Amino acid sequence: MRFVTRISLASYSVNKVAERTGNIMNDLITDRTSLVIAAEINTIRHQTGKILLAGAIEIGRRLKEAKDLLPHGEWGKWLKESVSYSQRTADKLMQLCEEYGTKLLASPDSDGNSKEVL
């Protein structure tokens, strides 16, 4: 659960990311050029990609949890009624979580705390 508190998606709204990035860039550079704007766009795009990836991994983790809790044969019905995902989409999200979740979420450091990798 430590990861979930670190990535509060509400605190990373696109407006806040853009505002924060824009303020930093404006403080550092006074002349607006196409290169500066491209750097801002690429920074926002990179940050947004990290947020989307973290969200997809967390959705996959929760799908796996729900699947384990449901009685045999109820998975497809639950997906359709509860989260509007196809079986294929759910499988891809769970696979994403399984393959990359532990690698991207955190890695242990020397004092036992976890480092944010994203």
PDB file of N, CA and C in Angstrom:
ATOM      1  N   MET A   1       0.806  -1.192   0.000  1.00  0.00           N
ATOM      2  CA  MET A   1       0.000   0.000   0.000  1.00  0.00           C
ATOM      3  C   MET A   1       0.855   1.264   0.000  1.00  0.00           C
ATOM      4  N   ARG A   2       2.106   1.143   0.321  1.00  0.00           N
ATOM      5  CA  ARG A   2       2.978   2.302   0.350  1.00  0.00           C
ATOM      6  C   ARG A   2       3.003   3.001  -1.000  1.00  0.00           C
ATOM      7  N   PHE A   3       2.994   2.210  -2.070  1.00  0.00           N
ATOM      8  CA  PHE A   3       3.028   2.768  -3.411  1.00  0.00           C
ATOM      9  C   PHE A   3       1.784   3.594  -3.697  1.00  0.00           C
ATOM     10  N   VAL A   4       0.639   3.117  -3.264  1.00  0.00           N
ATOM     11  CA  VAL A   4      -0.615   3.807  -3.554  1.00  0.00           C
ATOM     12  C   VAL A   4      -0.609   5.201  -2.949  1.00  0.00           C
ATOM     13  N   THR A   5      -0.067   5.350  -1.749  1.00  0.00           N
ATOM     14  CA  THR A   5      -0.035   6.676  -1.151  1.00  0.00           C
ATOM     15  C   THR A   5       0.965   7.579  -1.860  1.00  0.00           C
ATOM     16  N   ARG A   6       2.003   7.019  -2.418  1.00  0.00           N
ATOM     17  CA  ARG A   6       2.965   7.836  -3.161  1.00  0.00           C
ATOM     18  C   ARG A   6       2.380   8.345  -4.463  1.00  0.00           C
ATOM     19  N   ILE A   7       1.575   7.542  -5.121  1.00  0.00           N
ATOM     20  CA  ILE A   7       1.020   7.939  -6.394  1.00  0.00           C
ATOM     21  C   ILE A   7      -0.454   8.220  -6.200  1.00  0.00           C
ATOM     22  N   SER A   8      -0.736   9.369  -5.708  1.00  0.00           N
ATOM     23  CA  SER A   8      -2.116   9.830  -5.631  1.00  0.00           C
ATOM     24  C   SER A   8      -2.389  10.512  -6.953  1.00  0.00           C
ATOM     25  N   LEU A   9      -3.112   9.824  -7.823  1.00  0.00           N
ATOM     26  CA  LEU A   9      -3.325  10.339  -9.170  1.00  0.00           C
ATOM     27  C   LEU A   9      -4.019  11.688  -9.160  1.00  0.00           C
ATOM     28  N   ALA A  10      -4.806  11.955  -8.139  1.00  0.00           N
ATOM     29  CA  ALA A  10      -5.480  13.249  -8.048  1.00  0.00           C
ATOM     30  C   ALA A  10      -4.468  14.376  -7.927  1.00  0.00           C
ATOM     31  N   SER A  11      -3.371  14.147  -7.238  1.00  0.00           N
ATOM     32  CA  SER A  11      -2.387  15.207  -7.063  1.00  0.00           C
ATOM     33  C   SER A  11      -1.537  15.414  -8.314  1.00  0.00           C
ATOM     34  N   TYR A  12      -1.661  14.540  -9.285  1.00  0.00           N
ATOM     35  CA  TYR A  12      -0.888  14.660 -10.510  1.00  0.00           C
ATOM     36  C   TYR A  12      -1.787  14.994 -11.695  1.00  0.00           C
ATOM     37  N   SER A  13      -2.760  15.857 -11.474  1.00  0.00           N
ATOM     38  CA  SER A  13      -3.616  16.213 -12.602  1.00  0.00           C
ATOM     39  C   SER A  13      -2.776  16.869 -13.677  1.00  0.00           C
ATOM     40  N   VAL A  14      -3.225  16.758 -14.897  1.00  0.00           N
ATOM     41  CA  VAL A  14      -2.479  17.320 -16.026  1.00  0.00           C
ATOM     42  C   VAL A  14      -2.284  18.819 -15.835  1.00  0.00           C
ATOM     43  N   ASN A  15      -3.294  19.511 -15.314  1.00  0.00           N
ATOM     44  CA  ASN A  15      -3.165  20.948 -15.106  1.00  0.00           C
ATOM     45  C   ASN A  15      -2.057  21.269 -14.117  1.00  0.00           C
ATOM     46  N   LYS A  16      -1.990  20.504 -13.028  1.00  0.00           N
ATOM     47  CA  LYS A  16      -0.951  20.765 -12.026  1.00  0.00           C
ATOM     48  C   LYS A  16       0.432  20.470 -12.580  1.00  0.00           C
ATOM     49  N   VAL A  17       0.560  19.375 -13.326  1.00  0.00           N
ATOM     50  CA  VAL A  17       1.850  19.042 -13.922  1.00  0.00           C
ATOM     51  C   VAL A  17       2.263  20.128 -14.902  1.00  0.00           C
ATOM     52  N   ALA A  18       1.339  20.553 -15.736  1.00  0.00           N
ATOM     53  CA  ALA A  18       1.641  21.595 -16.710  1.00  0.00           C
ATOM     54  C   ALA A  18       1.980  22.907 -16.018  1.00  0.00           C
ATOM     55  N   GLU A  19       1.225  23.232 -14.975  1.00  0.00           N
ATOM     56  CA  GLU A  19       1.476  24.469 -14.233  1.00  0.00           C
ATOM     57  C   GLU A  19       2.852  24.441 -13.575  1.00  0.00           C
ATOM     58  N   ARG A  20       3.154  23.309 -12.905  1.00  0.00           N
ATOM     59  CA  ARG A  20       4.433  23.187 -12.221  1.00  0.00           C
ATOM     60  C   ARG A  20       5.585  23.224 -13.225  1.00  0.00           C
ATOM     61  N   THR A  21       5.446  22.490 -14.331  1.00  0.00           N
ATOM     62  CA  THR A  21       6.482  22.474 -15.355  1.00  0.00           C
ATOM     63  C   THR A  21       6.639  23.850 -15.975  1.00  0.00           C
ATOM     64  N   GLY A  22       5.520  24.492 -16.262  1.00  0.00           N
ATOM     65  CA  GLY A  22       5.568  25.830 -16.850  1.00  0.00           C
ATOM     66  C   GLY A  22       6.230  26.830 -15.935  1.00  0.00           C
ATOM     67  N   ASN A  23       5.915  26.789 -14.641  1.00  0.00           N
ATOM     68  CA  ASN A  23       6.528  27.716 -13.692  1.00  0.00           C
ATOM     69  C   ASN A  23       8.030  27.508 -13.596  1.00  0.00           C
ATOM     70  N   ILE A  24       8.463  26.264 -13.540  1.00  0.00           N
ATOM     71  CA  ILE A  24       9.898  25.973 -13.466  1.00  0.00           C
ATOM     72  C   ILE A  24      10.594  26.472 -14.712  1.00  0.00           C
ATOM     73  N   MET A  25      10.017  26.153 -15.863  1.00  0.00           N
ATOM     74  CA  MET A  25      10.634  26.563 -17.122  1.00  0.00           C
ATOM     75  C   MET A  25      10.640  28.083 -17.258  1.00  0.00           C
ATOM     76  N   ASN A  26       9.564  28.749 -16.870  1.00  0.00           N
ATOM     77  CA  ASN A  26       9.505  30.197 -16.982  1.00  0.00           C
ATOM     78  C   ASN A  26      10.500  30.870 -16.045  1.00  0.00           C
ATOM     79  N   ASP A  27      10.715  30.291 -14.869  1.00  0.00           N
ATOM     80  CA  ASP A  27      11.695  30.845 -13.941  1.00  0.00           C
ATOM     81  C   ASP A  27      13.113  30.733 -14.484  1.00  0.00           C
ATOM     82  N   LEU A  28      13.385  29.653 -15.216  1.00  0.00           N
ATOM     83  CA  LEU A  28      14.735  29.420 -15.712  1.00  0.00           C
ATOM     84  C   LEU A  28      15.018  30.130 -17.037  1.00  0.00           C
ATOM     85  N   ILE A  29      14.013  30.229 -17.886  1.00  0.00           N
ATOM     86  CA  ILE A  29      14.211  30.761 -19.239  1.00  0.00           C
ATOM     87  C   ILE A  29      13.205  31.873 -19.496  1.00  0.00           C
ATOM     88  N   THR A  30      13.713  33.028 -19.877  1.00  0.00           N
ATOM     89  CA  THR A  30      12.814  34.145 -20.130  1.00  0.00           C
ATOM     90  C   THR A  30      12.409  34.235 -21.596  1.00  0.00           C
ATOM     91  N   ASP A  31      13.241  33.761 -22.503  1.00  0.00           N
ATOM     92  CA  ASP A  31      12.920  33.812 -23.926  1.00  0.00           C
ATOM     93  C   ASP A  31      12.190  32.551 -24.343  1.00  0.00           C
ATOM     94  N   ARG A  32      10.956  32.725 -24.827  1.00  0.00           N
ATOM     95  CA  ARG A  32      10.173  31.585 -25.291  1.00  0.00           C
ATOM     96  C   ARG A  32      10.576  31.284 -26.724  1.00  0.00           C
ATOM     97  N   THR A  33      11.079  30.093 -26.956  1.00  0.00           N
ATOM     98  CA  THR A  33      11.454  29.661 -28.295  1.00  0.00           C
ATOM     99  C   THR A  33      10.769  28.336 -28.576  1.00  0.00           C
ATOM    100  N   SER A  34      10.822  27.927 -29.826  1.00  0.00           N
ATOM    101  CA  SER A  34      10.227  26.634 -30.174  1.00  0.00           C
ATOM    102  C   SER A  34      10.939  25.487 -29.463  1.00  0.00           C
ATOM    103  N   LEU A  35      12.234  25.629 -29.215  1.00  0.00           N
ATOM    104  CA  LEU A  35      12.975  24.588 -28.488  1.00  0.00           C
ATOM    105  C   LEU A  35      12.539  24.506 -27.022  1.00  0.00           C
ATOM    106  N   VAL A  36      12.298  25.651 -26.409  1.00  0.00           N
ATOM    107  CA  VAL A  36      11.826  25.679 -25.023  1.00  0.00           C
ATOM    108  C   VAL A  36      10.436  25.031 -24.947  1.00  0.00           C
ATOM    109  N   ILE A  37       9.568  25.390 -25.869  1.00  0.00           N
ATOM    110  CA  ILE A  37       8.219  24.835 -25.882  1.00  0.00           C
ATOM    111  C   ILE A  37       8.274  23.324 -26.119  1.00  0.00           C
ATOM    112  N   ALA A  38       9.137  22.876 -27.024  1.00  0.00           N
ATOM    113  CA  ALA A  38       9.291  21.441 -27.269  1.00  0.00           C
ATOM    114  C   ALA A  38       9.771  20.727 -26.006  1.00  0.00           C
ATOM    115  N   ALA A  39      10.694  21.324 -25.288  1.00  0.00           N
ATOM    116  CA  ALA A  39      11.178  20.726 -24.034  1.00  0.00           C
ATOM    117  C   ALA A  39      10.054  20.629 -23.011  1.00  0.00           C
ATOM    118  N   GLU A  40       9.234  21.655 -22.919  1.00  0.00           N
ATOM    119  CA  GLU A  40       8.094  21.624 -22.000  1.00  0.00           C
ATOM    120  C   GLU A  40       7.109  20.516 -22.381  1.00  0.00           C
ATOM    121  N   ILE A  41       6.809  20.427 -23.653  1.00  0.00           N
ATOM    122  CA  ILE A  41       5.882  19.402 -24.132  1.00  0.00           C
ATOM    123  C   ILE A  41       6.444  18.013 -23.841  1.00  0.00           C
ATOM    124  N   ASN A  42       7.709  17.805 -24.135  1.00  0.00           N
ATOM    125  CA  ASN A  42       8.313  16.494 -23.898  1.00  0.00           C
ATOM    126  C   ASN A  42       8.362  16.146 -22.412  1.00  0.00           C
ATOM    127  N   THR A  43       8.581  17.122 -21.558  1.00  0.00           N
ATOM    128  CA  THR A  43       8.569  16.886 -20.114  1.00  0.00           C
ATOM    129  C   THR A  43       7.176  16.478 -19.645  1.00  0.00           C
ATOM    130  N   ILE A  44       6.175  17.205 -20.086  1.00  0.00           N
ATOM    131  CA  ILE A  44       4.789  16.888 -19.714  1.00  0.00           C
ATOM    132  C   ILE A  44       4.410  15.505 -20.247  1.00  0.00           C
ATOM    133  N   ARG A  45       4.779  15.217 -21.472  1.00  0.00           N
ATOM    134  CA  ARG A  45       4.471  13.910 -22.067  1.00  0.00           C
ATOM    135  C   ARG A  45       5.131  12.783 -21.278  1.00  0.00           C
ATOM    136  N   HIS A  46       6.375  12.976 -20.876  1.00  0.00           N
ATOM    137  CA  HIS A  46       7.097  11.966 -20.099  1.00  0.00           C
ATOM    138  C   HIS A  46       6.426  11.750 -18.740  1.00  0.00           C
ATOM    139  N   GLN A  47       6.083  12.832 -18.059  1.00  0.00           N
ATOM    140  CA  GLN A  47       5.422  12.734 -16.761  1.00  0.00           C
ATOM    141  C   GLN A  47       4.061  12.061 -16.884  1.00  0.00           C
ATOM    142  N   THR A  48       3.316  12.404 -17.912  1.00  0.00           N
ATOM    143  CA  THR A  48       2.003  11.807 -18.140  1.00  0.00           C
ATOM    144  C   THR A  48       2.133  10.315 -18.421  1.00  0.00           C
ATOM    145  N   GLY A  49       3.134   9.929 -19.194  1.00  0.00           N
ATOM    146  CA  GLY A  49       3.372   8.515 -19.477  1.00  0.00           C
ATOM    147  C   GLY A  49       3.649   7.724 -18.212  1.00  0.00           C
ATOM    148  N   LYS A  50       4.432   8.297 -17.303  1.00  0.00           N
ATOM    149  CA  LYS A  50       4.720   7.621 -16.036  1.00  0.00           C
ATOM    150  C   LYS A  50       3.461   7.456 -15.205  1.00  0.00           C
ATOM    151  N   ILE A  51       2.621   8.475 -15.192  1.00  0.00           N
ATOM    152  CA  ILE A  51       1.372   8.410 -14.433  1.00  0.00           C
ATOM    153  C   ILE A  51       0.445   7.347 -15.032  1.00  0.00           C
ATOM    154  N   LEU A  52       0.326   7.324 -16.356  1.00  0.00           N
ATOM    155  CA  LEU A  52      -0.532   6.336 -17.015  1.00  0.00           C
ATOM    156  C   LEU A  52      -0.035   4.920 -16.776  1.00  0.00           C
ATOM    157  N   LEU A  53       1.273   4.712 -16.851  1.00  0.00           N
ATOM    158  CA  LEU A  53       1.841   3.400 -16.613  1.00  0.00           C
ATOM    159  C   LEU A  53       1.579   2.946 -15.180  1.00  0.00           C
ATOM    160  N   ALA A  54       1.798   3.838 -14.230  1.00  0.00           N
ATOM    161  CA  ALA A  54       1.547   3.504 -12.823  1.00  0.00           C
ATOM    162  C   ALA A  54       0.069   3.157 -12.608  1.00  0.00           C
ATOM    163  N   GLY A  55      -0.820   3.899 -13.241  1.00  0.00           N
ATOM    164  CA  GLY A  55      -2.248   3.627 -13.125  1.00  0.00           C
ATOM    165  C   GLY A  55      -2.612   2.278 -13.727  1.00  0.00           C
ATOM    166  N   ALA A  56      -2.066   1.960 -14.887  1.00  0.00           N
ATOM    167  CA  ALA A  56      -2.351   0.678 -15.538  1.00  0.00           C
ATOM    168  C   ALA A  56      -1.858  -0.489 -14.688  1.00  0.00           C
ATOM    169  N   ILE A  57      -0.690  -0.336 -14.093  1.00  0.00           N
ATOM    170  CA  ILE A  57      -0.154  -1.388 -13.228  1.00  0.00           C
ATOM    171  C   ILE A  57      -1.050  -1.579 -12.009  1.00  0.00           C
ATOM    172  N   GLU A  58      -1.499  -0.496 -11.421  1.00  0.00           N
ATOM    173  CA  GLU A  58      -2.374  -0.591 -10.246  1.00  0.00           C
ATOM    174  C   GLU A  58      -3.731  -1.195 -10.598  1.00  0.00           C
ATOM    175  N   ILE A  59      -4.275  -0.866 -11.756  1.00  0.00           N
ATOM    176  CA  ILE A  59      -5.529  -1.471 -12.194  1.00  0.00           C
ATOM    177  C   ILE A  59      -5.325  -2.972 -12.380  1.00  0.00           C
ATOM    178  N   GLY A  60      -4.224  -3.355 -13.010  1.00  0.00           N
ATOM    179  CA  GLY A  60      -3.929  -4.781 -13.197  1.00  0.00           C
ATOM    180  C   GLY A  60      -3.821  -5.519 -11.871  1.00  0.00           C
ATOM    181  N   ARG A  61      -3.184  -4.894 -10.889  1.00  0.00           N
ATOM    182  CA  ARG A  61      -3.051  -5.504  -9.565  1.00  0.00           C
ATOM    183  C   ARG A  61      -4.419  -5.724  -8.936  1.00  0.00           C
ATOM    184  N   ARG A  62      -5.275  -4.736  -9.039  1.00  0.00           N
ATOM    185  CA  ARG A  62      -6.614  -4.845  -8.460  1.00  0.00           C
ATOM    186  C   ARG A  62      -7.483  -5.859  -9.213  1.00  0.00           C
ATOM    187  N   LEU A  63      -7.315  -5.945 -10.528  1.00  0.00           N
ATOM    188  CA  LEU A  63      -8.046  -6.953 -11.294  1.00  0.00           C
ATOM    189  C   LEU A  63      -7.646  -8.358 -10.847  1.00  0.00           C
ATOM    190  N   LYS A  64      -6.344  -8.565 -10.653  1.00  0.00           N
ATOM    191  CA  LYS A  64      -5.884  -9.872 -10.170  1.00  0.00           C
ATOM    192  C   LYS A  64      -6.485 -10.184  -8.805  1.00  0.00           C
ATOM    193  N   GLU A  65      -6.522  -9.195  -7.945  1.00  0.00           N
ATOM    194  CA  GLU A  65      -7.092  -9.372  -6.608  1.00  0.00           C
ATOM    195  C   GLU A  65      -8.579  -9.746  -6.696  1.00  0.00           C
ATOM    196  N   ALA A  66      -9.321  -9.029  -7.532  1.00  0.00           N
ATOM    197  CA  ALA A  66     -10.749  -9.305  -7.678  1.00  0.00           C
ATOM    198  C   ALA A  66     -10.978 -10.698  -8.266  1.00  0.00           C
ATOM    199  N   LYS A  67     -10.187 -11.053  -9.256  1.00  0.00           N
ATOM    200  CA  LYS A  67     -10.344 -12.369  -9.895  1.00  0.00           C
ATOM    201  C   LYS A  67     -10.148 -13.486  -8.875  1.00  0.00           C
ATOM    202  N   ASP A  68      -9.167 -13.327  -7.998  1.00  0.00           N
ATOM    203  CA  ASP A  68      -8.914 -14.340  -6.967  1.00  0.00           C
ATOM    204  C   ASP A  68     -10.066 -14.450  -5.967  1.00  0.00           C
ATOM    205  N   LEU A  69     -10.798 -13.376  -5.772  1.00  0.00           N
ATOM    206  CA  LEU A  69     -11.902 -13.376  -4.804  1.00  0.00           C
ATOM    207  C   LEU A  69     -13.211 -13.928  -5.366  1.00  0.00           C
ATOM    208  N   LEU A  70     -13.363 -13.872  -6.673  1.00  0.00           N
ATOM    209  CA  LEU A  70     -14.628 -14.273  -7.295  1.00  0.00           C
ATOM    210  C   LEU A  70     -14.742 -15.785  -7.439  1.00  0.00           C
ATOM    211  N   PRO A  71     -15.969 -16.290  -7.322  1.00  0.00           N
ATOM    212  CA  PRO A  71     -16.187 -17.728  -7.564  1.00  0.00           C
ATOM    213  C   PRO A  71     -15.894 -18.074  -9.025  1.00  0.00           C
ATOM    214  N   HIS A  72     -15.528 -19.333  -9.252  1.00  0.00           N
ATOM    215  CA  HIS A  72     -15.244 -19.803 -10.603  1.00  0.00           C
ATOM    216  C   HIS A  72     -16.437 -19.520 -11.526  1.00  0.00           C
ATOM    217  N   GLY A  73     -16.145 -18.987 -12.697  1.00  0.00           N
ATOM    218  CA  GLY A  73     -17.180 -18.711 -13.680  1.00  0.00           C
ATOM    219  C   GLY A  73     -17.813 -17.335 -13.596  1.00  0.00           C
ATOM    220  N   GLU A  74     -17.474 -16.548 -12.593  1.00  0.00           N
ATOM    221  CA  GLU A  74     -18.080 -15.223 -12.412  1.00  0.00           C
ATOM    222  C   GLU A  74     -17.210 -14.082 -12.950  1.00  0.00           C
ATOM    223  N   TRP A  75     -15.989 -14.376 -13.328  1.00  0.00           N
ATOM    224  CA  TRP A  75     -15.024 -13.352 -13.730  1.00  0.00           C
ATOM    225  C   TRP A  75     -15.519 -12.511 -14.908  1.00  0.00           C
ATOM    226  N   GLY A  76     -15.927 -13.142 -15.987  1.00  0.00           N
ATOM    227  CA  GLY A  76     -16.379 -12.417 -17.176  1.00  0.00           C
ATOM    228  C   GLY A  76     -17.581 -11.531 -16.895  1.00  0.00           C
ATOM    229  N   LYS A  77     -18.518 -12.051 -16.153  1.00  0.00           N
ATOM    230  CA  LYS A  77     -19.713 -11.284 -15.790  1.00  0.00           C
ATOM    231  C   LYS A  77     -19.327 -10.081 -14.929  1.00  0.00           C
ATOM    232  N   TRP A  78     -18.440 -10.297 -13.957  1.00  0.00           N
ATOM    233  CA  TRP A  78     -18.000  -9.207 -13.084  1.00  0.00           C
ATOM    234  C   TRP A  78     -17.292  -8.117 -13.893  1.00  0.00           C
ATOM    235  N   LEU A  79     -16.426  -8.523 -14.811  1.00  0.00           N
ATOM    236  CA  LEU A  79     -15.723  -7.545 -15.647  1.00  0.00           C
ATOM    237  C   LEU A  79     -16.703  -6.666 -16.410  1.00  0.00           C
ATOM    238  N   LYS A  80     -17.666  -7.303 -17.033  1.00  0.00           N
ATOM    239  CA  LYS A  80     -18.628  -6.570 -17.861  1.00  0.00           C
ATOM    240  C   LYS A  80     -19.481  -5.620 -17.024  1.00  0.00           C
ATOM    241  N   GLU A  81     -19.987  -6.118 -15.902  1.00  0.00           N
ATOM    242  CA  GLU A  81     -20.919  -5.337 -15.092  1.00  0.00           C
ATOM    243  C   GLU A  81     -20.234  -4.312 -14.192  1.00  0.00           C
ATOM    244  N   SER A  82     -19.062  -4.626 -13.697  1.00  0.00           N
ATOM    245  CA  SER A  82     -18.443  -3.785 -12.674  1.00  0.00           C
ATOM    246  C   SER A  82     -17.447  -2.769 -13.201  1.00  0.00           C
ATOM    247  N   VAL A  83     -16.675  -3.143 -14.203  1.00  0.00           N
ATOM    248  CA  VAL A  83     -15.626  -2.230 -14.669  1.00  0.00           C
ATOM    249  C   VAL A  83     -15.630  -2.002 -16.176  1.00  0.00           C
ATOM    250  N   SER A  84     -16.535  -2.627 -16.883  1.00  0.00           N
ATOM    251  CA  SER A  84     -16.675  -2.457 -18.335  1.00  0.00           C
ATOM    252  C   SER A  84     -15.387  -2.756 -19.109  1.00  0.00           C
ATOM    253  N   TYR A  85     -14.657  -3.766 -18.659  1.00  0.00           N
ATOM    254  CA  TYR A  85     -13.464  -4.217 -19.384  1.00  0.00           C
ATOM    255  C   TYR A  85     -13.785  -5.523 -20.088  1.00  0.00           C
ATOM    256  N   SER A  86     -13.191  -5.693 -21.266  1.00  0.00           N
ATOM    257  CA  SER A  86     -13.274  -6.991 -21.927  1.00  0.00           C
ATOM    258  C   SER A  86     -12.280  -7.927 -21.233  1.00  0.00           C
ATOM    259  N   GLN A  87     -12.460  -9.206 -21.472  1.00  0.00           N
ATOM    260  CA  GLN A  87     -11.535 -10.205 -20.920  1.00  0.00           C
ATOM    261  C   GLN A  87     -10.121  -9.933 -21.431  1.00  0.00           C
ATOM    262  N   ARG A  88     -10.019  -9.567 -22.690  1.00  0.00           N
ATOM    263  CA  ARG A  88      -8.699  -9.323 -23.297  1.00  0.00           C
ATOM    264  C   ARG A  88      -8.000  -8.121 -22.649  1.00  0.00           C
ATOM    265  N   THR A  89      -8.736  -7.039 -22.436  1.00  0.00           N
ATOM    266  CA  THR A  89      -8.157  -5.856 -21.794  1.00  0.00           C
ATOM    267  C   THR A  89      -7.723  -6.176 -20.371  1.00  0.00           C
ATOM    268  N   ALA A  90      -8.578  -6.874 -19.640  1.00  0.00           N
ATOM    269  CA  ALA A  90      -8.237  -7.246 -18.266  1.00  0.00           C
ATOM    270  C   ALA A  90      -6.994  -8.126 -18.234  1.00  0.00           C
ATOM    271  N   ASP A  91      -6.917  -9.072 -19.149  1.00  0.00           N
ATOM    272  CA  ASP A  91      -5.740  -9.949 -19.208  1.00  0.00           C
ATOM    273  C   ASP A  91      -4.466  -9.152 -19.479  1.00  0.00           C
ATOM    274  N   LYS A  92      -4.549  -8.178 -20.378  1.00  0.00           N
ATOM    275  CA  LYS A  92      -3.371  -7.359 -20.699  1.00  0.00           C
ATOM    276  C   LYS A  92      -2.940  -6.511 -19.502  1.00  0.00           C
ATOM    277  N   LEU A  93      -3.902  -5.942 -18.789  1.00  0.00           N
ATOM    278  CA  LEU A  93      -3.566  -5.136 -17.611  1.00  0.00           C
ATOM    279  C   LEU A  93      -2.957  -5.998 -16.505  1.00  0.00           C
ATOM    280  N   MET A  94      -3.497  -7.185 -16.307  1.00  0.00           N
ATOM    281  CA  MET A  94      -2.935  -8.080 -15.290  1.00  0.00           C
ATOM    282  C   MET A  94      -1.547  -8.546 -15.687  1.00  0.00           C
ATOM    283  N   GLN A  95      -1.333  -8.796 -16.973  1.00  0.00           N
ATOM    284  CA  GLN A  95      -0.019  -9.204 -17.461  1.00  0.00           C
ATOM    285  C   GLN A  95       0.988  -8.058 -17.286  1.00  0.00           C
ATOM    286  N   LEU A  96       0.556  -6.845 -17.567  1.00  0.00           N
ATOM    287  CA  LEU A  96       1.409  -5.684 -17.376  1.00  0.00           C
ATOM    288  C   LEU A  96       1.849  -5.575 -15.920  1.00  0.00           C
ATOM    289  N   CYS A  97       0.908  -5.753 -15.017  1.00  0.00           N
ATOM    290  CA  CYS A  97       1.215  -5.708 -13.587  1.00  0.00           C
ATOM    291  C   CYS A  97       2.193  -6.810 -13.208  1.00  0.00           C
ATOM    292  N   GLU A  98       1.938  -8.009 -13.697  1.00  0.00           N
ATOM    293  CA  GLU A  98       2.779  -9.152 -13.357  1.00  0.00           C
ATOM    294  C   GLU A  98       4.206  -8.980 -13.879  1.00  0.00           C
ATOM    295  N   GLU A  99       4.338  -8.507 -15.105  1.00  0.00           N
ATOM    296  CA  GLU A  99       5.653  -8.413 -15.725  1.00  0.00           C
ATOM    297  C   GLU A  99       6.465  -7.203 -15.284  1.00  0.00           C
ATOM    298  N   TYR A 100       5.796  -6.079 -15.041  1.00  0.00           N
ATOM    299  CA  TYR A 100       6.532  -4.844 -14.796  1.00  0.00           C
ATOM    300  C   TYR A 100       6.251  -4.191 -13.451  1.00  0.00           C
ATOM    301  N   GLY A 101       5.201  -4.602 -12.776  1.00  0.00           N
ATOM    302  CA  GLY A 101       4.792  -3.949 -11.537  1.00  0.00           C
ATOM    303  C   GLY A 101       5.867  -3.879 -10.491  1.00  0.00           C
ATOM    304  N   THR A 102       6.462  -5.003 -10.162  1.00  0.00           N
ATOM    305  CA  THR A 102       7.471  -5.002  -9.102  1.00  0.00           C
ATOM    306  C   THR A 102       8.743  -4.282  -9.536  1.00  0.00           C
ATOM    307  N   LYS A 103       9.047  -4.302 -10.806  1.00  0.00           N
ATOM    308  CA  LYS A 103      10.242  -3.620 -11.304  1.00  0.00           C
ATOM    309  C   LYS A 103      10.070  -2.105 -11.271  1.00  0.00           C
ATOM    310  N   LEU A 104       8.861  -1.634 -11.565  1.00  0.00           N
ATOM    311  CA  LEU A 104       8.637  -0.206 -11.684  1.00  0.00           C
ATOM    312  C   LEU A 104       8.143   0.459 -10.406  1.00  0.00           C
ATOM    313  N   LEU A 105       7.542  -0.301  -9.525  1.00  0.00           N
ATOM    314  CA  LEU A 105       6.942   0.312  -8.350  1.00  0.00           C
ATOM    315  C   LEU A 105       7.987   0.769  -7.343  1.00  0.00           C
ATOM    316  N   ALA A 106       8.905  -0.101  -6.986  1.00  0.00           N
ATOM    317  CA  ALA A 106       9.899   0.278  -5.989  1.00  0.00           C
ATOM    318  C   ALA A 106      11.018  -0.737  -5.979  1.00  0.00           C
ATOM    319  N   SER A 107      12.162  -0.277  -5.478  1.00  0.00           N
ATOM    320  CA  SER A 107      13.281  -1.184  -5.258  1.00  0.00           C
ATOM    321  C   SER A 107      13.841  -0.892  -3.876  1.00  0.00           C
ATOM    322  N   PRO A 108      14.228  -1.931  -3.140  1.00  0.00           N
ATOM    323  CA  PRO A 108      14.710  -1.704  -1.773  1.00  0.00           C
ATOM    324  C   PRO A 108      16.066  -1.015  -1.770  1.00  0.00           C
ATOM    325  N   ASP A 109      16.270  -0.151  -0.775  1.00  0.00           N
ATOM    326  CA  ASP A 109      17.584   0.444  -0.622  1.00  0.00           C
ATOM    327  C   ASP A 109      18.191  -0.031   0.692  1.00  0.00           C
ATOM    328  N   SER A 110      19.297   0.513   1.066  1.00  0.00           N
ATOM    329  CA  SER A 110      20.050  -0.009   2.202  1.00  0.00           C
ATOM    330  C   SER A 110      19.350   0.131   3.539  1.00  0.00           C
ATOM    331  N   ASP A 111      18.482   1.128   3.735  1.00  0.00           N
ATOM    332  CA  ASP A 111      17.853   1.308   5.040  1.00  0.00           C
ATOM    333  C   ASP A 111      16.467   0.667   5.139  1.00  0.00           C
ATOM    334  N   GLY A 112      16.092  -0.147   4.140  1.00  0.00           N
ATOM    335  CA  GLY A 112      14.834  -0.870   4.212  1.00  0.00           C
ATOM    336  C   GLY A 112      13.649  -0.108   3.645  1.00  0.00           C
ATOM    337  N   ASN A 113      13.831   1.144   3.312  1.00  0.00           N
ATOM    338  CA  ASN A 113      12.756   1.914   2.693  1.00  0.00           C
ATOM    339  C   ASN A 113      12.764   1.637   1.208  1.00  0.00           C
ATOM    340  N   SER A 114      11.703   2.021   0.537  1.00  0.00           N
ATOM    341  CA  SER A 114      11.676   1.808  -0.902  1.00  0.00           C
ATOM    342  C   SER A 114      11.891   3.122  -1.625  1.00  0.00           C
ATOM    343  N   LYS A 115      12.542   3.016  -2.765  1.00  0.00           N
ATOM    344  CA  LYS A 115      12.789   4.179  -3.614  1.00  0.00           C
ATOM    345  C   LYS A 115      11.750   4.192  -4.721  1.00  0.00           C
ATOM    346  N   GLU A 116      11.332   5.362  -5.057  1.00  0.00           N
ATOM    347  CA  GLU A 116      10.404   5.484  -6.168  1.00  0.00           C
ATOM    348  C   GLU A 116      11.215   5.426  -7.454  1.00  0.00           C
ATOM    349  N   VAL A 117      10.855   4.514  -8.344  1.00  0.00           N
ATOM    350  CA  VAL A 117      11.597   4.330  -9.571  1.00  0.00           C
ATOM    351  C   VAL A 117      10.970   5.115 -10.702  1.00  0.00           C
ATOM    352  N   LEU A 118       9.682   5.340 -10.645  1.00  0.00           N
ATOM    353  CA  LEU A 118       9.000   6.032 -11.738  1.00  0.00           C
ATOM    354  C   LEU A 118       9.398   7.466 -11.856  1.00  0.00           C
TER     355      LEU A 118
END
